[in-house]
Amino acid sequence: MFHDLHWQDLFPQEHPNAQPASASPFPEGEGIVEVDMLAPGARVVYSFEIRRGEPLHFGAWSNRRIAIALTTFAEFERWTDSAEPFQELRSLQRHVGRLPKKIRFRAGRSGCYQVVVMNLTNRRAKVIVEAQSLT
């Protein structure tokens, strides 16, 4: 009657050594992946609560000249309150350019850290951001 039909076809079984598929593109921990359009001179800020010794990996790619800067929460607040230009923001790491810019950081002390991504051109910039904080 159904010569080519086997019970495995009706009741599929996973291979005993199969690994479950990961729901996240990151191995563990929290992550961000997004695409954004930044107006000329605009900025976007990402905040990370990091414990001492934990790493932060942050990357930004753009079709225009951008800057990324990693700073502490206190320095970021001081900078925003003072209305100083971006160059005056005291940062732990800073990269300026077109493609790609990455920050690799391990927290020396627990706290809140900000990554500022800023469009340095007078044209709209498409920016792709990927970040992960592994626990």
C-alpha atoms as a PDB file:
ATOM      1  CA  MET A   1       0.000   0.000   0.000  1.00  0.00           C
ATOM      2  CA  PHE A   2       2.516   2.779   1.105  1.00  0.00           C
ATOM      3  CA  HIS A   3       5.752   1.039   0.258  1.00  0.00           C
ATOM      4  CA  ASP A   4       7.967   4.130   0.588  1.00  0.00           C
ATOM      5  CA  LEU A   5       6.394   5.455   3.795  1.00  0.00           C
ATOM      6  CA  HIS A   6       8.213   4.837   7.075  1.00  0.00           C
ATOM      7  CA  TRP A   7       7.233   5.691  10.658  1.00  0.00           C
ATOM      8  CA  GLN A   8      10.080   8.255  10.803  1.00  0.00           C
ATOM      9  CA  ASP A   9       8.325  10.227   8.053  1.00  0.00           C
ATOM     10  CA  LEU A  10       5.142  10.505  10.141  1.00  0.00           C
ATOM     11  CA  PHE A  11       6.865  11.066  13.502  1.00  0.00           C
ATOM     12  CA  PRO A  12      10.123  12.883  12.775  1.00  0.00           C
ATOM     13  CA  GLN A  13      12.792  12.509  15.434  1.00  0.00           C
ATOM     14  CA  GLU A  14      15.767  14.774  16.032  1.00  0.00           C
ATOM     15  CA  HIS A  15      19.178  13.259  15.759  1.00  0.00           C
ATOM     16  CA  PRO A  16      20.342  12.257  19.280  1.00  0.00           C
ATOM     17  CA  ASN A  17      23.473  14.464  18.953  1.00  0.00           C
ATOM     18  CA  ALA A  18      21.638  17.531  17.567  1.00  0.00           C
ATOM     19  CA  GLN A  19      22.356  20.840  19.329  1.00  0.00           C
ATOM     20  CA  PRO A  20      19.440  23.211  19.945  1.00  0.00           C
ATOM     21  CA  ALA A  21      19.469  26.304  17.739  1.00  0.00           C
ATOM     22  CA  SER A  22      20.465  29.516  19.492  1.00  0.00           C
ATOM     23  CA  ALA A  23      17.779  32.195  19.556  1.00  0.00           C
ATOM     24  CA  SER A  24      20.400  34.968  19.752  1.00  0.00           C
ATOM     25  CA  PRO A  25      23.284  35.856  17.431  1.00  0.00           C
ATOM     26  CA  PHE A  26      25.436  36.312  20.552  1.00  0.00           C
ATOM     27  CA  PRO A  27      26.890  33.363  22.488  1.00  0.00           C
ATOM     28  CA  GLU A  28      25.511  34.535  25.861  1.00  0.00           C
ATOM     29  CA  GLY A  29      24.645  37.773  27.573  1.00  0.00           C
ATOM     30  CA  GLU A  30      22.922  40.810  26.130  1.00  0.00           C
ATOM     31  CA  GLY A  31      23.376  42.269  22.697  1.00  0.00           C
ATOM     32  CA  ILE A  32      22.275  45.017  20.333  1.00  0.00           C
ATOM     33  CA  VAL A  33      22.091  44.883  16.552  1.00  0.00           C
ATOM     34  CA  GLU A  34      20.464  47.805  14.769  1.00  0.00           C
ATOM     35  CA  VAL A  35      20.542  50.004  11.700  1.00  0.00           C
ATOM     36  CA  ASP A  36      19.895  53.725  12.046  1.00  0.00           C
ATOM     37  CA  MET A  37      19.981  56.865   9.915  1.00  0.00           C
ATOM     38  CA  LEU A  38      21.741  59.755  11.638  1.00  0.00           C
ATOM     39  CA  ALA A  39      21.090  63.330  10.578  1.00  0.00           C
ATOM     40  CA  PRO A  40      24.099  65.601  10.072  1.00  0.00           C
ATOM     41  CA  GLY A  41      25.766  66.228  13.433  1.00  0.00           C
ATOM     42  CA  ALA A  42      23.311  63.916  15.230  1.00  0.00           C
ATOM     43  CA  ARG A  43      24.324  61.407  17.855  1.00  0.00           C
ATOM     44  CA  VAL A  44      22.935  58.253  19.399  1.00  0.00           C
ATOM     45  CA  VAL A  45      23.958  57.049  22.860  1.00  0.00           C
ATOM     46  CA  TYR A  46      24.096  53.468  24.136  1.00  0.00           C
ATOM     47  CA  SER A  47      24.284  52.756  27.877  1.00  0.00           C
ATOM     48  CA  PHE A  48      25.786  49.623  29.388  1.00  0.00           C
ATOM     49  CA  GLU A  49      25.776  48.567  33.028  1.00  0.00           C
ATOM     50  CA  ILE A  50      28.997  46.571  33.342  1.00  0.00           C
ATOM     51  CA  ARG A  51      30.504  44.817  36.354  1.00  0.00           C
ATOM     52  CA  ARG A  52      34.215  44.897  37.067  1.00  0.00           C
ATOM     53  CA  GLY A  53      36.114  42.551  34.735  1.00  0.00           C
ATOM     54  CA  GLU A  54      33.277  42.106  32.229  1.00  0.00           C
ATOM     55  CA  PRO A  55      34.026  42.776  28.544  1.00  0.00           C
ATOM     56  CA  LEU A  56      32.151  45.036  26.151  1.00  0.00           C
ATOM     57  CA  HIS A  57      32.491  44.605  22.388  1.00  0.00           C
ATOM     58  CA  PHE A  58      31.018  47.430  20.300  1.00  0.00           C
ATOM     59  CA  GLY A  59      31.224  47.951  16.544  1.00  0.00           C
ATOM     60  CA  ALA A  60      29.840  50.656  14.253  1.00  0.00           C
ATOM     61  CA  TRP A  61      29.917  50.732  10.442  1.00  0.00           C
ATOM     62  CA  SER A  62      28.801  53.661   8.312  1.00  0.00           C
ATOM     63  CA  ASN A  63      28.737  54.998   4.782  1.00  0.00           C
ATOM     64  CA  ARG A  64      29.875  58.405   6.130  1.00  0.00           C
ATOM     65  CA  ARG A  65      32.532  59.655   8.545  1.00  0.00           C
ATOM     66  CA  ILE A  66      31.418  58.896  12.108  1.00  0.00           C
ATOM     67  CA  ALA A  67      32.957  58.888  15.563  1.00  0.00           C
ATOM     68  CA  ILE A  68      32.424  56.477  18.403  1.00  0.00           C
ATOM     69  CA  ALA A  69      33.564  57.186  21.949  1.00  0.00           C
ATOM     70  CA  LEU A  70      33.368  55.104  25.113  1.00  0.00           C
ATOM     71  CA  THR A  71      33.033  57.148  28.285  1.00  0.00           C
ATOM     72  CA  THR A  72      31.928  56.846  31.885  1.00  0.00           C
ATOM     73  CA  PHE A  73      28.491  58.020  32.956  1.00  0.00           C
ATOM     74  CA  ALA A  74      29.977  60.897  34.988  1.00  0.00           C
ATOM     75  CA  GLU A  75      32.046  62.179  32.047  1.00  0.00           C
ATOM     76  CA  PHE A  76      29.080  61.846  29.692  1.00  0.00           C
ATOM     77  CA  GLU A  77      26.850  63.890  32.031  1.00  0.00           C
ATOM     78  CA  ARG A  78      29.561  66.545  32.455  1.00  0.00           C
ATOM     79  CA  TRP A  79      29.897  66.798  28.672  1.00  0.00           C
ATOM     80  CA  THR A  80      26.151  67.041  27.959  1.00  0.00           C
ATOM     81  CA  ASP A  81      25.651  69.645  30.724  1.00  0.00           C
ATOM     82  CA  SER A  82      28.509  71.802  29.421  1.00  0.00           C
ATOM     83  CA  ALA A  83      27.375  71.802  25.747  1.00  0.00           C
ATOM     84  CA  GLU A  84      31.009  71.416  24.654  1.00  0.00           C
ATOM     85  CA  PRO A  85      31.833  70.121  21.159  1.00  0.00           C
ATOM     86  CA  PHE A  86      32.250  66.370  20.667  1.00  0.00           C
ATOM     87  CA  GLN A  87      36.046  66.696  20.604  1.00  0.00           C
ATOM     88  CA  GLU A  88      35.943  67.815  24.272  1.00  0.00           C
ATOM     89  CA  LEU A  89      34.251  64.615  25.477  1.00  0.00           C
ATOM     90  CA  ARG A  90      36.804  62.794  27.640  1.00  0.00           C
ATOM     91  CA  SER A  91      36.715  59.172  26.594  1.00  0.00           C
ATOM     92  CA  LEU A  92      38.289  55.851  27.485  1.00  0.00           C
ATOM     93  CA  GLN A  93      38.448  54.919  23.785  1.00  0.00           C
ATOM     94  CA  ARG A  94      37.658  56.918  20.655  1.00  0.00           C
ATOM     95  CA  HIS A  95      37.651  56.109  16.931  1.00  0.00           C
ATOM     96  CA  VAL A  96      36.905  58.451  14.047  1.00  0.00           C
ATOM     97  CA  GLY A  97      36.514  57.459  10.423  1.00  0.00           C
ATOM     98  CA  ARG A  98      34.320  55.751   7.892  1.00  0.00           C
ATOM     99  CA  LEU A  99      34.336  51.940   8.089  1.00  0.00           C
ATOM    100  CA  PRO A 100      34.397  49.903  10.533  1.00  0.00           C
ATOM    101  CA  LYS A 101      35.126  51.188  14.030  1.00  0.00           C
ATOM    102  CA  LYS A 102      35.340  48.824  16.997  1.00  0.00           C
ATOM    103  CA  ILE A 103      35.727  49.145  20.751  1.00  0.00           C
ATOM    104  CA  ARG A 104      36.950  46.256  22.861  1.00  0.00           C
ATOM    105  CA  PHE A 105      36.829  47.113  26.550  1.00  0.00           C
ATOM    106  CA  ARG A 106      37.087  45.290  29.872  1.00  0.00           C
ATOM    107  CA  ALA A 107      35.658  47.249  32.818  1.00  0.00           C
ATOM    108  CA  GLY A 108      38.197  48.190  35.471  1.00  0.00           C
ATOM    109  CA  ARG A 109      35.361  48.922  37.875  1.00  0.00           C
ATOM    110  CA  SER A 110      31.628  48.303  37.988  1.00  0.00           C
ATOM    111  CA  GLY A 111      29.450  51.084  36.663  1.00  0.00           C
ATOM    112  CA  CYS A 112      27.483  52.584  33.841  1.00  0.00           C
ATOM    113  CA  TYR A 113      29.363  53.280  30.598  1.00  0.00           C
ATOM    114  CA  GLN A 114      28.154  55.169  27.535  1.00  0.00           C
ATOM    115  CA  VAL A 115      29.088  54.708  23.892  1.00  0.00           C
ATOM    116  CA  VAL A 116      28.365  57.804  21.803  1.00  0.00           C
ATOM    117  CA  VAL A 117      28.030  57.390  18.019  1.00  0.00           C
ATOM    118  CA  MET A 118      28.076  60.704  16.156  1.00  0.00           C
ATOM    119  CA  ASN A 119      27.687  61.661  12.496  1.00  0.00           C
ATOM    120  CA  LEU A 120      30.544  64.083  11.717  1.00  0.00           C
ATOM    121  CA  THR A 121      29.381  65.006   8.206  1.00  0.00           C
ATOM    122  CA  ASN A 122      26.799  67.391   6.775  1.00  0.00           C
ATOM    123  CA  ARG A 123      24.925  64.489   5.088  1.00  0.00           C
ATOM    124  CA  ARG A 124      22.698  61.738   6.491  1.00  0.00           C
ATOM    125  CA  ALA A 125      24.647  58.646   7.533  1.00  0.00           C
ATOM    126  CA  LYS A 126      23.477  55.057   7.598  1.00  0.00           C
ATOM    127  CA  VAL A 127      24.953  53.430  10.700  1.00  0.00           C
ATOM    128  CA  ILE A 128      24.982  49.752  11.651  1.00  0.00           C
ATOM    129  CA  VAL A 129      25.667  49.044  15.314  1.00  0.00           C
ATOM    130  CA  GLU A 130      26.496  45.714  16.911  1.00  0.00           C
ATOM    131  CA  ALA A 131      27.287  45.376  20.590  1.00  0.00           C
ATOM    132  CA  GLN A 132      27.555  42.593  23.096  1.00  0.00           C
ATOM    133  CA  SER A 133      28.340  42.380  26.747  1.00  0.00           C
ATOM    134  CA  LEU A 134      29.286  38.848  27.734  1.00  0.00           C
ATOM    135  CA  THR A 135      28.624  37.759  31.284  1.00  0.00           C
END
